[in-house]
């Protein structure tokens, strides 16, 4: 094998090694990217769950307030329908 053919073979081998090494380093980068994305998704999931709990609590409070309003509505209607009082004095 001549020196030129050896250089070509070595160049090909180095090129394959460089491509393989860059591919492996890209995998590590993707792993880091996926880890960051998964971490962000976990944070967002926690916030969504917290917001859902807050919404449920607000809904329960609103329902209780509506029940109290329903309970006093009859009394308010009676007072509005009652004849006016004469002023004292």
N, C-alpha and C. Protein backbone atom coordinates (compact mmCIF):
# COMPACT_ATOMS: atom_id res chain seq x y z
N UNK A 1 0.86 -1.17 0.00
CA UNK A 1 0.00 0.00 0.00
C UNK A 1 0.90 1.23 0.00
N UNK A 2 0.62 2.13 -0.91
CA UNK A 2 1.47 3.31 -1.00
C UNK A 2 1.13 4.29 0.12
N UNK A 3 1.98 5.27 0.29
CA UNK A 3 1.80 6.26 1.33
C UNK A 3 0.52 7.05 1.12
N UNK A 4 0.15 7.37 -0.10
CA UNK A 4 -1.06 8.12 -0.40
C UNK A 4 -2.30 7.32 -0.02
N UNK A 5 -2.28 6.02 -0.34
CA UNK A 5 -3.42 5.18 0.03
C UNK A 5 -3.53 5.06 1.54
N UNK A 6 -2.41 5.00 2.22
CA UNK A 6 -2.43 4.94 3.68
C UNK A 6 -3.00 6.23 4.27
N UNK A 7 -2.61 7.36 3.69
CA UNK A 7 -3.14 8.64 4.16
C UNK A 7 -4.65 8.72 3.95
N UNK A 8 -5.08 8.24 2.78
CA UNK A 8 -6.54 8.26 2.51
C UNK A 8 -7.27 7.37 3.51
N UNK A 9 -6.74 6.20 3.76
CA UNK A 9 -7.38 5.28 4.70
C UNK A 9 -7.41 5.89 6.10
N UNK A 10 -6.31 6.50 6.49
CA UNK A 10 -6.25 7.14 7.81
C UNK A 10 -7.22 8.32 7.88
N UNK A 11 -7.30 9.09 6.80
CA UNK A 11 -8.22 10.23 6.77
C UNK A 11 -9.66 9.75 6.89
N UNK A 12 -9.98 8.64 6.18
CA UNK A 12 -11.34 8.11 6.29
C UNK A 12 -11.63 7.65 7.71
N UNK A 13 -10.67 6.96 8.30
CA UNK A 13 -10.84 6.48 9.66
C UNK A 13 -11.04 7.64 10.64
N UNK A 14 -10.24 8.68 10.48
CA UNK A 14 -10.39 9.86 11.34
C UNK A 14 -11.74 10.55 11.12
N UNK A 15 -12.15 10.62 9.86
CA UNK A 15 -13.45 11.24 9.56
C UNK A 15 -14.57 10.47 10.23
N UNK A 16 -14.53 9.14 10.13
CA UNK A 16 -15.56 8.30 10.78
C UNK A 16 -15.51 8.50 12.29
N UNK A 17 -14.31 8.56 12.86
CA UNK A 17 -14.18 8.75 14.30
C UNK A 17 -14.74 10.10 14.74
N UNK A 18 -14.47 11.13 13.95
CA UNK A 18 -14.97 12.48 14.28
C UNK A 18 -16.49 12.51 14.20
N UNK A 19 -17.04 11.92 13.15
CA UNK A 19 -18.50 11.89 13.01
C UNK A 19 -19.12 11.12 14.16
N UNK A 20 -18.53 9.98 14.51
CA UNK A 20 -19.06 9.17 15.61
C UNK A 20 -18.98 9.92 16.93
N UNK A 21 -17.87 10.59 17.17
CA UNK A 21 -17.70 11.33 18.41
C UNK A 21 -18.68 12.49 18.49
N UNK A 22 -18.86 13.19 17.37
CA UNK A 22 -19.81 14.31 17.39
C UNK A 22 -21.23 13.79 17.58
N UNK A 23 -21.52 12.62 17.04
CA UNK A 23 -22.84 12.03 17.25
C UNK A 23 -23.08 11.68 18.70
N UNK A 24 -22.07 11.14 19.36
CA UNK A 24 -22.19 10.79 20.77
C UNK A 24 -22.34 12.03 21.64
N UNK A 25 -21.61 13.08 21.31
CA UNK A 25 -21.75 14.31 22.10
C UNK A 25 -23.11 14.94 21.87
N UNK A 26 -23.66 14.76 20.68
CA UNK A 26 -25.00 15.28 20.43
C UNK A 26 -26.03 14.54 21.26
N UNK A 27 -25.83 13.24 21.47
CA UNK A 27 -26.75 12.47 22.32
C UNK A 27 -26.75 13.01 23.74
N UNK A 28 -25.57 13.33 24.26
CA UNK A 28 -25.48 13.89 25.60
C UNK A 28 -26.21 15.22 25.66
N UNK A 29 -26.07 16.03 24.62
CA UNK A 29 -26.77 17.31 24.58
C UNK A 29 -28.27 17.09 24.57
N UNK A 30 -28.71 16.12 23.77
CA UNK A 30 -30.15 15.83 23.73
C UNK A 30 -30.64 15.34 25.08
N UNK A 31 -29.85 14.53 25.77
CA UNK A 31 -30.24 14.07 27.10
C UNK A 31 -30.42 15.25 28.04
N UNK A 32 -29.50 16.21 27.98
CA UNK A 32 -29.62 17.41 28.80
C UNK A 32 -30.88 18.20 28.43
N UNK A 33 -31.12 18.31 27.12
CA UNK A 33 -32.31 19.03 26.67
C UNK A 33 -33.58 18.36 27.16
N UNK A 34 -33.63 17.03 27.03
CA UNK A 34 -34.81 16.30 27.48
C UNK A 34 -34.99 16.44 28.99
N UNK A 35 -33.91 16.43 29.73
CA UNK A 35 -33.98 16.59 31.18
C UNK A 35 -34.54 17.96 31.54
N UNK A 36 -34.09 19.00 30.83
CA UNK A 36 -34.61 20.35 31.09
C UNK A 36 -36.09 20.44 30.74
N UNK A 37 -36.48 19.85 29.62
CA UNK A 37 -37.88 19.89 29.20
C UNK A 37 -38.74 19.13 30.21
N UNK A 38 -38.28 17.96 30.63
CA UNK A 38 -39.04 17.19 31.61
C UNK A 38 -39.16 17.93 32.93
N UNK A 39 -38.10 18.59 33.34
CA UNK A 39 -38.16 19.37 34.58
C UNK A 39 -39.17 20.50 34.46
N UNK A 40 -39.17 21.18 33.33
CA UNK A 40 -40.12 22.27 33.11
C UNK A 40 -41.55 21.74 33.09
N UNK A 41 -41.76 20.59 32.45
CA UNK A 41 -43.10 20.00 32.42
C UNK A 41 -43.57 19.63 33.82
N UNK A 42 -42.66 19.12 34.65
CA UNK A 42 -43.01 18.80 36.03
C UNK A 42 -43.43 20.06 36.80
N UNK A 43 -42.68 21.15 36.58
CA UNK A 43 -43.04 22.41 37.24
C UNK A 43 -44.42 22.90 36.79
N UNK A 44 -44.66 22.82 35.49
CA UNK A 44 -45.95 23.26 34.97
C UNK A 44 -47.08 22.38 35.49
N UNK A 45 -46.84 21.09 35.59
CA UNK A 45 -47.84 20.16 36.10
C UNK A 45 -48.20 20.51 37.54
N UNK A 46 -47.19 20.83 38.33
CA UNK A 46 -47.43 21.23 39.72
C UNK A 46 -48.27 22.50 39.79
N UNK A 47 -47.96 23.46 38.93
CA UNK A 47 -48.73 24.71 38.92
C UNK A 47 -50.17 24.47 38.48
N UNK A 48 -50.37 23.60 37.50
CA UNK A 48 -51.72 23.30 37.02
C UNK A 48 -52.52 22.63 38.13
N UNK A 49 -51.91 21.68 38.83
CA UNK A 49 -52.60 21.01 39.92
C UNK A 49 -52.97 21.99 41.02
N UNK A 50 -52.07 22.91 41.33
CA UNK A 50 -52.35 23.93 42.35
C UNK A 50 -53.49 24.84 41.91
N UNK A 51 -53.47 25.24 40.65
CA UNK A 51 -54.54 26.09 40.13
C UNK A 51 -55.88 25.35 40.15
N UNK A 52 -55.87 24.06 39.84
CA UNK A 52 -57.11 23.28 39.86
C UNK A 52 -57.66 23.19 41.28
N UNK A 53 -56.78 23.01 42.26
CA UNK A 53 -57.22 22.97 43.66
C UNK A 53 -57.80 24.32 44.08
N UNK A 54 -57.16 25.40 43.67
CA UNK A 54 -57.67 26.73 44.01
C UNK A 54 -59.03 26.97 43.35
N UNK A 55 -59.18 26.52 42.13
CA UNK A 55 -60.46 26.68 41.43
C UNK A 55 -61.55 25.88 42.12
N UNK A 56 -61.22 24.67 42.57
CA UNK A 56 -62.21 23.86 43.30
C UNK A 56 -62.63 24.54 44.59
N UNK A 57 -61.66 25.08 45.31
CA UNK A 57 -61.97 25.78 46.57
C UNK A 57 -62.85 27.00 46.31
N UNK A 58 -62.53 27.76 45.26
CA UNK A 58 -63.34 28.94 44.92
C UNK A 58 -64.75 28.52 44.51
N UNK A 59 -64.87 27.42 43.80
CA UNK A 59 -66.18 26.92 43.39
C UNK A 59 -67.02 26.53 44.61
N UNK A 60 -66.40 25.86 45.56
CA UNK A 60 -67.12 25.48 46.79
C UNK A 60 -67.57 26.72 47.56
N UNK A 61 -66.71 27.71 47.65
CA UNK A 61 -67.09 28.95 48.34
C UNK A 61 -68.25 29.64 47.64
N UNK A 62 -68.22 29.65 46.32
CA UNK A 62 -69.30 30.27 45.56
C UNK A 62 -70.61 29.52 45.77
N UNK A 63 -70.54 28.20 45.80
CA UNK A 63 -71.75 27.41 46.03
C UNK A 63 -72.33 27.68 47.42
N UNK A 64 -71.46 27.79 48.42
CA UNK A 64 -71.93 28.10 49.77
C UNK A 64 -72.57 29.49 49.82
N UNK A 65 -71.97 30.45 49.14
CA UNK A 65 -72.54 31.80 49.11
C UNK A 65 -73.89 31.78 48.42
N UNK A 66 -74.02 31.03 47.34
CA UNK A 66 -75.32 30.93 46.66
C UNK A 66 -76.37 30.30 47.56
N UNK A 67 -75.99 29.31 48.35
CA UNK A 67 -76.94 28.68 49.27
C UNK A 67 -77.40 29.68 50.33
N UNK A 68 -76.48 30.50 50.84
CA UNK A 68 -76.86 31.52 51.83
C UNK A 68 -77.81 32.55 51.21
N UNK A 69 -77.52 32.94 49.96
CA UNK A 69 -78.41 33.89 49.28
C UNK A 69 -79.80 33.29 49.06
N UNK A 70 -79.84 32.03 48.67
CA UNK A 70 -81.13 31.36 48.48
C UNK A 70 -81.90 31.29 49.79
N UNK A 71 -81.19 31.09 50.91
CA UNK A 71 -81.84 30.98 52.20
C UNK A 71 -82.48 32.30 52.64
N UNK A 72 -81.87 33.43 52.31
CA UNK A 72 -82.44 34.71 52.75
C UNK A 72 -83.34 35.34 51.69
N UNK A 73 -83.41 34.77 50.49
CA UNK A 73 -84.22 35.37 49.43
C UNK A 73 -85.69 35.45 49.81
N UNK A 74 -86.22 34.42 50.44
CA UNK A 74 -87.63 34.43 50.85
C UNK A 74 -87.92 35.56 51.83
N UNK A 75 -87.05 35.76 52.78
CA UNK A 75 -87.25 36.84 53.78
C UNK A 75 -87.20 38.22 53.11
N UNK A 76 -86.29 38.40 52.15
CA UNK A 76 -86.18 39.67 51.44
C UNK A 76 -87.46 39.93 50.65
N UNK A 77 -88.01 38.91 50.01
CA UNK A 77 -89.25 39.09 49.26
C UNK A 77 -90.41 39.45 50.18
N UNK A 78 -90.45 38.84 51.38
CA UNK A 78 -91.49 39.20 52.35
C UNK A 78 -91.39 40.66 52.74
N UNK A 79 -90.19 41.11 53.02
CA UNK A 79 -90.00 42.50 53.44
C UNK A 79 -90.37 43.47 52.31
N UNK A 80 -90.06 43.10 51.07
CA UNK A 80 -90.40 43.97 49.96
C UNK A 80 -91.90 44.02 49.70
N UNK A 81 -92.58 42.92 49.99
CA UNK A 81 -94.02 42.85 49.73
C UNK A 81 -94.84 43.43 50.89
N UNK A 82 -94.26 43.57 52.07
CA UNK A 82 -94.99 44.05 53.24
C UNK A 82 -95.40 45.51 53.03
N UNK A 83 -96.55 45.88 53.58
CA UNK A 83 -96.97 47.29 53.48
C UNK A 83 -96.01 48.19 54.25
N UNK A 84 -95.86 49.38 53.79
CA UNK A 84 -94.96 50.32 54.43
C UNK A 84 -95.43 50.69 55.82
N UNK A 85 -94.54 51.04 56.69
CA UNK A 85 -94.89 51.44 58.06
C UNK A 85 -95.11 52.93 58.11
N UNK A 86 -95.92 53.29 59.05
CA UNK A 86 -96.14 54.71 59.26
C UNK A 86 -95.00 55.23 60.13
N UNK A 87 -94.51 56.41 59.86
CA UNK A 87 -93.47 56.99 60.69
C UNK A 87 -94.02 57.32 62.09
N UNK A 88 -93.18 57.25 63.07
CA UNK A 88 -93.58 57.59 64.44
C UNK A 88 -93.60 59.10 64.60
N UNK A 89 -94.41 59.48 65.47
CA UNK A 89 -94.35 60.86 65.88
C UNK A 89 -95.37 61.72 65.41
